[in-house]
Structures are given as C-alpha cells and as structure tokens.
Amino acid sequence: MGEENQTFVAEFIFLGLSQDLQTQILLFILFLIVYLLTVLGNLLIIIFIHMDSRLHTLMYFFLSNLSFADLCFSTSTVPQMLIHLLVKKKTISFFGCMTQIIVFLLVGCTECALLAVMSYDRYVAVCKPLHYSTIMTQEVCLQLAIGSWASGALESLVDTTFTFHLPYQGQNIINHYFCEPPALLKLASADTYSTEMAIFAMGVVILLAPVSLILVSYWNIISTVLQMQSGEGRLKAFSTCGSHLIVVVLFYGSGIFTYMQPNSKTTKEWDKTISVFYTVVTPMLNPIIYSLRNKDVKGALRKLAGKKPFSQR
C-alpha cells in the first residue's frame, strides 16, 4: 500500500474475482461475450421501439427505459472489469470510484423501480383490461418513469454521500471487482454504523418495497390466469410470468443479499459471486425475457431485416 495511516487514499486497488491467470482469461472471454450480448440485445430493443410504430405503446415505453437502464448499468462496471482481468495492477482513482458508485446506484436503483412499475402495468392489463386505458394514461406512465429515475437519483445521492462522508486512510485494497458501498465501507477509518443503517433503510425502500409490489402483482395475475378457459392461454401466461419471476429472483435476491445483510470487515468470495448476478447476468437476460420473446418485437426484427412477417405473405 505504501501509505501512512494519516494519509488519505488517492486510489483503490481491486483484488478482482480471481488471482489465477488462466481463470482470469476464461472469465474475460465469458464476460466479454455476455457484455456484447447485453449491449446488442438492449440496443436492438431501443432501436426496434423507436423505429416500429406498432411498438409505440405504454408497455414498450417502459421496456425502452429498462433497456437503457440495463445498458448503463452493465457499462458502469463490466468494461472496467474486463480491462482488470488482463492487467496485473487493478486500480481506480478515488474520484473514479465515487463516479462509478454514483452511476451504478443511479441506474441500478432506477431499474428496481422500473421492474416494479412494469409489473403493475401487466397487473392492470391482465386483471383490469377494461380500465387499462383510463388507469395507465400517457401522463401517468410518464410520471411513473420520471419517478423511477428520480428514486434512483435519490438513492444514489444518499448512499454516495454517506459512503464518502467517511474518511479513507491507509488501507486501499478492495476485495471486490468494482466500487460498491458494502465493499468500500470495510476500508473506512471511522465507525460505519450510521452509514450502514442509512444504506439499509434505503435498501428497504428501493429493494424490499418494489419486490413486494412485484410479487403481489404477479400473484394477482396468476390468480386471474387460472380462471381462463383456454388451456393454451394459461400455459402461455404461466410461461411469461415464470420467466419474469426468474429475473426478479436473480436481480432482487442477489441485491437484497448484498445490501440487506449486516456488514462485516471481510468480503467473502461468495459475496463477489453473488454481485455478478445483478451486475452482469440480469442486464443480459432482461431483453431476452421481457422483449425478444415477444411476437411484436420479433415482427419488428423481421421488418428491420427487410422481411415481412409470415402473416403478411
């Protein structure tokens, strides 16, 4: 480290996911493929929704916001991680670390809110179809989208302020692969209790509240689906709900595990593995689960490729 205990940290050093060279190369190849798929998938969704007038609906408005959030969320951590898998010294400046946390929390917490909003949108569409147009107006949807981004900004502001209000002196080695408040707090040179409580309280608002809304929404959707006469319709609805819930469990489950557990002075290898799910895996899965399996999006894909849908041939 080479710094005196009284000297404030100017940069941080990451230990990364692995110290083994071969493992780092394998992880680089794997995460590069995943990141490219994430960028391609989310960009395609944004382009499709922008270009195809059939996708200019409220549901796809939320999906375009989710895709943009996923794109920013993954880009805030993965490119740096890829570079660090190829170099021996994995460093980031103090202000670079602060910037990464601001962006990471902003888009990550926005995504939490957007997933809850989208589940409510589906609940109204399935359970109250006759009232959908009066409940989910353009004005309401715009307010929900703005509110989602505002909640992400508020969460980012609070967590970042509390995290960097603490002094960081001497120790500068982070046992993680990117700057994240729980990992950074282990290096603080002062008592972290108030900061941990602030992060926990914000976690209740941005993690537990949205996931509760999502579970209630899908419970009502499933209850409504069970009353359908069509067996094919029930199967399709269960398939959609099941795939959505898988993403919810991966994203919120791993986030709750990281931000809602008591902080300790050491980072376990399992903690780093868990964070891979919400930083790397779910941004890739979201466009597949929420959009690319959708027949309207598939039609837009064929249209963009210069082919008419089979139904129009």
Protein backbone atom coordinates (compact mmCIF):
# COMPACT_ATOMS: atom_id res chain seq x y z
CA MET A 1 0.00 0.00 0.00
CA GLY A 2 2.87 2.35 0.79
CA GLU A 3 0.77 4.98 2.58
CA GLU A 4 0.90 6.27 6.13
CA ASN A 5 -2.11 5.82 8.34
CA GLN A 6 -2.68 9.60 8.34
CA THR A 7 -2.65 9.88 4.52
CA PHE A 8 -5.97 9.93 2.71
CA VAL A 9 -6.34 7.34 -0.03
CA ALA A 10 -5.85 8.65 -3.58
CA GLU A 11 -6.62 5.39 -5.37
CA PHE A 12 -8.02 1.94 -4.64
CA ILE A 13 -6.68 -1.44 -5.70
CA PHE A 14 -9.08 -4.27 -6.58
CA LEU A 15 -8.32 -7.92 -5.86
CA GLY A 16 -10.81 -8.93 -8.56
CA LEU A 17 -12.69 -12.18 -8.95
CA SER A 18 -9.61 -14.38 -9.19
CA GLN A 19 -5.82 -14.25 -8.83
CA ASP A 20 -5.25 -17.23 -11.13
CA LEU A 21 -4.11 -16.22 -14.65
CA GLN A 22 -5.94 -18.99 -16.52
CA THR A 23 -9.14 -18.34 -14.60
CA GLN A 24 -8.87 -14.62 -15.41
CA ILE A 25 -8.54 -15.38 -19.14
CA LEU A 26 -11.59 -17.66 -19.05
CA LEU A 27 -13.57 -15.04 -17.13
CA PHE A 28 -12.50 -12.37 -19.63
CA ILE A 29 -13.82 -14.42 -22.57
CA LEU A 30 -17.05 -15.30 -20.75
CA PHE A 31 -17.81 -11.77 -19.53
CA LEU A 32 -16.86 -10.23 -22.89
CA ILE A 33 -19.41 -12.46 -24.64
CA VAL A 34 -22.05 -11.67 -22.02
CA TYR A 35 -21.36 -7.92 -22.23
CA LEU A 36 -21.54 -7.89 -26.05
CA LEU A 37 -24.86 -9.77 -25.89
CA THR A 38 -26.10 -7.28 -23.27
CA VAL A 39 -25.18 -4.27 -25.40
CA LEU A 40 -26.55 -5.81 -28.60
CA GLY A 41 -29.80 -7.00 -27.02
CA ASN A 42 -30.62 -3.75 -25.26
CA LEU A 43 -29.64 -1.56 -28.21
CA LEU A 44 -31.83 -3.64 -30.52
CA ILE A 45 -34.80 -3.22 -28.18
CA ILE A 46 -34.33 0.57 -28.09
CA ILE A 47 -33.95 0.73 -31.90
CA PHE A 48 -36.98 -1.52 -32.53
CA ILE A 49 -39.22 0.50 -30.23
CA HIS A 50 -38.06 3.77 -31.82
CA MET A 51 -38.47 2.59 -35.44
CA ASP A 52 -41.63 0.46 -35.34
CA SER A 53 -44.87 2.37 -34.77
CA ARG A 54 -46.59 -0.82 -33.54
CA LEU A 55 -44.29 -0.70 -30.52
CA HIS A 56 -45.22 2.87 -29.59
CA THR A 57 -47.32 1.67 -26.66
CA LEU A 58 -47.03 2.25 -22.92
CA MET A 59 -45.63 -1.23 -22.22
CA TYR A 60 -42.79 -0.71 -24.70
CA PHE A 61 -42.18 2.77 -23.35
CA PHE A 62 -41.29 1.15 -20.02
CA LEU A 63 -39.26 -1.53 -21.82
CA SER A 64 -37.17 1.11 -23.62
CA ASN A 65 -36.43 2.75 -20.26
CA LEU A 66 -35.46 -0.64 -18.82
CA SER A 67 -33.17 -1.39 -21.76
CA PHE A 68 -31.44 1.98 -21.44
CA ALA A 69 -31.00 1.42 -17.68
CA ASP A 70 -29.61 -2.09 -18.33
CA LEU A 71 -27.17 -0.72 -20.89
CA CYS A 72 -25.86 1.94 -18.49
CA PHE A 73 -25.90 -0.46 -15.52
CA SER A 74 -23.74 -3.05 -17.24
CA THR A 75 -21.42 -0.44 -18.79
CA SER A 76 -20.77 1.14 -15.37
CA THR A 77 -18.89 -1.98 -14.18
CA VAL A 78 -18.20 -4.61 -16.86
CA PRO A 79 -15.77 -2.76 -19.22
CA GLN A 80 -13.54 -1.89 -16.25
CA MET A 81 -13.72 -5.47 -15.00
CA LEU A 82 -12.71 -6.77 -18.46
CA ILE A 83 -9.66 -4.48 -18.51
CA HIS A 84 -8.67 -5.52 -15.00
CA LEU A 85 -8.83 -9.21 -15.98
CA LEU A 86 -6.00 -8.50 -18.44
CA VAL A 87 -3.71 -6.38 -16.25
CA LYS A 88 -1.73 -7.15 -13.12
CA LYS A 89 -2.46 -3.97 -11.15
CA LYS A 90 -6.19 -3.27 -10.93
CA THR A 91 -6.56 0.34 -9.76
CA ILE A 92 -9.14 3.10 -9.78
CA SER A 93 -8.77 6.68 -8.56
CA PHE A 94 -10.71 7.90 -5.53
CA PHE A 95 -12.91 10.14 -7.69
CA GLY A 96 -13.23 7.40 -10.31
CA CYS A 97 -14.55 5.13 -7.57
CA MET A 98 -17.02 7.79 -6.46
CA THR A 99 -18.23 8.30 -10.04
CA GLN A 100 -18.69 4.56 -10.54
CA ILE A 101 -20.79 4.28 -7.38
CA ILE A 102 -22.95 7.27 -8.37
CA VAL A 103 -23.72 5.86 -11.84
CA PHE A 104 -24.04 2.25 -10.63
CA LEU A 105 -26.55 3.15 -7.91
CA LEU A 106 -28.46 5.62 -10.09
CA VAL A 107 -29.23 3.17 -12.89
CA GLY A 108 -29.38 0.09 -10.66
CA CYS A 109 -31.96 1.59 -8.30
CA THR A 110 -33.88 3.02 -11.26
CA GLU A 111 -34.10 -0.50 -12.65
CA CYS A 112 -35.51 -1.71 -9.33
CA ALA A 113 -38.29 0.84 -9.60
CA LEU A 114 -38.91 0.21 -13.31
CA LEU A 115 -39.35 -3.54 -12.78
CA ALA A 116 -41.99 -2.78 -10.13
CA VAL A 117 -43.74 -0.30 -12.43
CA MET A 118 -43.75 -2.83 -15.28
CA SER A 119 -45.25 -5.50 -13.04
CA TYR A 120 -48.04 -3.07 -12.06
CA ASP A 121 -48.60 -2.27 -15.75
CA ARG A 122 -49.01 -6.01 -16.50
CA TYR A 123 -51.31 -6.40 -13.48
CA VAL A 124 -53.65 -3.68 -14.77
CA ALA A 125 -53.52 -5.09 -18.33
CA VAL A 126 -54.38 -8.66 -17.24
CA CYS A 127 -56.60 -8.13 -14.20
CA LYS A 128 -58.38 -4.90 -15.19
CA PRO A 129 -58.26 -4.84 -19.00
CA LEU A 130 -61.43 -2.73 -19.38
CA HIS A 131 -59.96 0.01 -17.18
CA TYR A 132 -56.40 -0.11 -18.56
CA SER A 133 -56.71 2.93 -20.82
CA THR A 134 -58.17 5.05 -18.02
CA ILE A 135 -55.69 3.91 -15.34
CA MET A 136 -52.47 3.77 -17.39
CA THR A 137 -52.71 7.04 -19.26
CA GLN A 138 -49.70 8.56 -21.03
CA GLU A 139 -49.43 11.18 -18.30
CA VAL A 140 -49.45 8.54 -15.53
CA CYS A 141 -46.85 6.41 -17.34
CA LEU A 142 -44.59 9.42 -17.87
CA GLN A 143 -44.88 10.26 -14.18
CA LEU A 144 -44.06 6.65 -13.23
CA ALA A 145 -40.98 6.66 -15.48
CA ILE A 146 -39.77 10.01 -14.15
CA GLY A 147 -40.45 8.81 -10.61
CA SER A 148 -38.36 5.69 -11.23
CA TRP A 149 -35.36 7.72 -12.38
CA ALA A 150 -35.87 10.22 -9.55
CA SER A 151 -35.91 7.41 -6.96
CA GLY A 152 -32.67 6.06 -8.44
CA ALA A 153 -31.09 9.51 -8.23
CA LEU A 154 -32.21 9.93 -4.61
CA GLU A 155 -30.89 6.50 -3.60
CA SER A 156 -27.58 7.22 -5.35
CA LEU A 157 -27.27 10.63 -3.67
CA VAL A 158 -27.98 9.29 -0.17
CA ASP A 159 -25.77 6.18 -0.37
CA THR A 160 -22.88 8.00 -2.05
CA THR A 161 -22.99 10.89 0.40
CA PHE A 162 -22.97 8.61 3.44
CA THR A 163 -20.27 6.34 1.95
CA PHE A 164 -17.82 9.11 1.03
CA HIS A 165 -18.54 11.19 4.12
CA LEU A 166 -16.33 8.66 5.92
CA PRO A 167 -12.52 9.05 5.93
CA TYR A 168 -10.43 6.50 3.99
CA GLN A 169 -6.85 6.44 5.24
CA GLY A 170 -4.04 3.93 4.83
CA GLN A 171 -5.74 0.75 3.64
CA ASN A 172 -6.77 0.92 -0.02
CA ILE A 173 -7.17 -2.70 -1.17
CA ILE A 174 -10.77 -3.61 -2.03
CA ASN A 175 -11.58 -7.31 -2.11
CA HIS A 176 -14.01 -6.86 -4.97
CA TYR A 177 -14.03 -6.24 -8.73
CA PHE A 178 -15.68 -2.80 -8.70
CA CYS A 179 -16.51 0.01 -6.29
CA GLU A 180 -19.61 -0.85 -4.29
CA PRO A 181 -20.62 0.68 -0.93
CA PRO A 182 -20.65 -2.56 1.16
CA ALA A 183 -17.12 -3.45 -0.03
CA LEU A 184 -15.82 0.10 0.35
CA LEU A 185 -17.13 0.53 3.90
CA LYS A 186 -14.75 -2.23 5.06
CA LEU A 187 -11.85 0.18 4.40
CA ALA A 188 -13.29 3.17 6.26
CA SER A 189 -11.14 4.63 9.05
CA ALA A 190 -14.15 5.55 11.22
CA ASP A 191 -17.25 3.93 12.65
CA THR A 192 -19.59 2.90 9.82
CA TYR A 193 -22.76 2.15 11.82
CA SER A 194 -24.74 5.25 10.74
CA THR A 195 -23.76 4.72 7.10
CA GLU A 196 -24.75 1.05 7.24
CA MET A 197 -28.13 1.98 8.74
CA ALA A 198 -28.71 4.62 6.04
CA ILE A 199 -27.89 2.10 3.28
CA PHE A 200 -30.11 -0.49 4.96
CA ALA A 201 -33.02 1.96 5.21
CA MET A 202 -32.68 2.94 1.55
CA GLY A 203 -32.47 -0.76 0.69
CA VAL A 204 -35.85 -1.33 2.33
CA VAL A 205 -37.34 1.43 0.15
CA ILE A 206 -35.68 0.54 -3.17
CA LEU A 207 -35.41 -3.27 -2.82
CA LEU A 208 -37.99 -4.71 -0.41
CA ALA A 209 -40.86 -2.36 -1.34
CA PRO A 210 -40.61 -2.92 -5.13
CA VAL A 211 -40.14 -6.69 -4.85
CA SER A 212 -43.20 -6.86 -2.58
CA LEU A 213 -45.24 -4.96 -5.19
CA ILE A 214 -43.96 -7.28 -7.93
CA LEU A 215 -44.87 -10.44 -6.00
CA VAL A 216 -48.36 -9.12 -5.18
CA SER A 217 -48.88 -8.10 -8.83
CA TYR A 218 -47.86 -11.49 -10.19
CA TRP A 219 -49.91 -13.31 -7.54
CA ASN A 220 -52.99 -11.46 -8.78
CA ILE A 221 -52.02 -12.07 -12.41
CA ILE A 222 -51.62 -15.81 -11.79
CA SER A 223 -54.96 -15.92 -9.93
CA THR A 224 -56.64 -14.26 -12.91
CA VAL A 225 -54.90 -16.57 -15.39
CA LEU A 226 -56.13 -19.64 -13.51
CA GLN A 227 -59.68 -18.55 -14.29
CA MET A 228 -59.03 -18.54 -18.04
CA GLN A 229 -60.96 -21.06 -20.11
CA SER A 230 -58.17 -21.54 -22.65
CA GLY A 231 -55.53 -24.05 -21.62
CA GLU A 232 -53.12 -22.63 -24.22
CA GLY A 233 -53.66 -19.13 -22.84
CA ARG A 234 -52.94 -20.31 -19.30
CA LEU A 235 -49.77 -22.08 -20.42
CA LYS A 236 -48.52 -19.02 -22.28
CA ALA A 237 -49.27 -16.74 -19.35
CA PHE A 238 -47.55 -19.06 -16.86
CA SER A 239 -44.51 -19.27 -19.15
CA THR A 240 -44.29 -15.48 -19.31
CA CYS A 241 -44.83 -14.99 -15.57
CA GLY A 242 -42.34 -17.74 -14.74
CA SER A 243 -39.58 -16.21 -16.88
CA HIS A 244 -40.24 -12.76 -15.42
CA LEU A 245 -40.10 -14.11 -11.86
CA ILE A 246 -36.76 -15.84 -12.57
CA VAL A 247 -35.25 -12.44 -13.45
CA VAL A 248 -36.87 -10.87 -10.39
CA VAL A 249 -35.44 -13.55 -8.08
CA LEU A 250 -31.94 -13.22 -9.60
CA PHE A 251 -31.87 -9.42 -9.56
CA TYR A 252 -33.63 -8.63 -6.30
CA GLY A 253 -32.43 -11.76 -4.47
CA SER A 254 -28.76 -11.02 -5.12
CA GLY A 255 -29.27 -7.30 -4.41
CA ILE A 256 -31.03 -7.98 -1.10
CA PHE A 257 -28.29 -10.46 -0.13
CA THR A 258 -25.63 -7.78 -0.70
CA TYR A 259 -27.31 -4.67 0.70
CA MET A 260 -29.61 -6.01 3.42
CA GLN A 261 -27.20 -8.21 5.38
CA PRO A 262 -25.07 -6.96 8.32
CA ASN A 263 -21.74 -5.61 7.09
CA SER A 264 -18.56 -7.36 8.21
CA LYS A 265 -14.91 -6.33 7.99
CA THR A 266 -14.10 -9.04 5.45
CA THR A 267 -15.51 -9.77 2.00
CA LYS A 268 -16.21 -13.43 1.30
CA GLU A 269 -15.64 -14.84 -2.19
CA TRP A 270 -19.34 -15.75 -2.24
CA ASP A 271 -20.26 -12.05 -1.90
CA LYS A 272 -18.38 -11.24 -5.11
CA THR A 273 -20.00 -14.14 -6.96
CA ILE A 274 -23.48 -13.01 -5.86
CA SER A 275 -22.88 -9.49 -7.19
CA VAL A 276 -22.13 -10.95 -10.65
CA PHE A 277 -25.81 -11.89 -10.95
CA TYR A 278 -27.14 -8.33 -10.76
CA THR A 279 -24.23 -6.58 -12.48
CA VAL A 280 -23.58 -9.00 -15.36
CA VAL A 281 -26.27 -11.67 -15.74
CA THR A 282 -29.64 -9.87 -15.39
CA PRO A 283 -28.79 -6.99 -17.81
CA MET A 284 -28.23 -9.69 -20.45
CA LEU A 285 -31.38 -11.66 -19.54
CA ASN A 286 -33.80 -8.73 -19.38
CA PRO A 287 -34.01 -8.04 -23.16
CA ILE A 288 -34.45 -11.78 -23.80
CA ILE A 289 -37.08 -12.34 -21.13
CA TYR A 290 -39.07 -9.11 -21.46
CA SER A 291 -38.75 -8.31 -25.16
CA LEU A 292 -37.07 -10.66 -27.62
CA ARG A 293 -39.52 -13.48 -26.80
CA ASN A 294 -42.40 -11.14 -27.65
CA LYS A 295 -44.12 -11.63 -31.03
CA ASP A 296 -44.36 -7.86 -31.64
CA VAL A 297 -40.61 -7.47 -31.14
CA LYS A 298 -39.95 -10.48 -33.36
CA GLY A 299 -42.08 -8.80 -36.02
CA ALA A 300 -40.04 -5.63 -35.68
CA LEU A 301 -36.86 -7.69 -36.02
CA ARG A 302 -38.11 -9.23 -39.28
CA LYS A 303 -39.16 -5.79 -40.50
CA LEU A 304 -35.74 -4.34 -39.71
CA ALA A 305 -34.11 -7.26 -41.53
CA GLY A 306 -36.20 -6.45 -44.62
CA LYS A 307 -38.56 -9.42 -44.27
CA LYS A 308 -42.32 -9.30 -43.85
CA PRO A 309 -43.96 -11.31 -41.09
CA PHE A 310 -45.32 -14.65 -42.30
CA SER A 311 -48.88 -13.46 -41.65
CA GLN A 312 -48.45 -10.74 -44.32
CA ARG A 313 -47.04 -13.01 -47.03
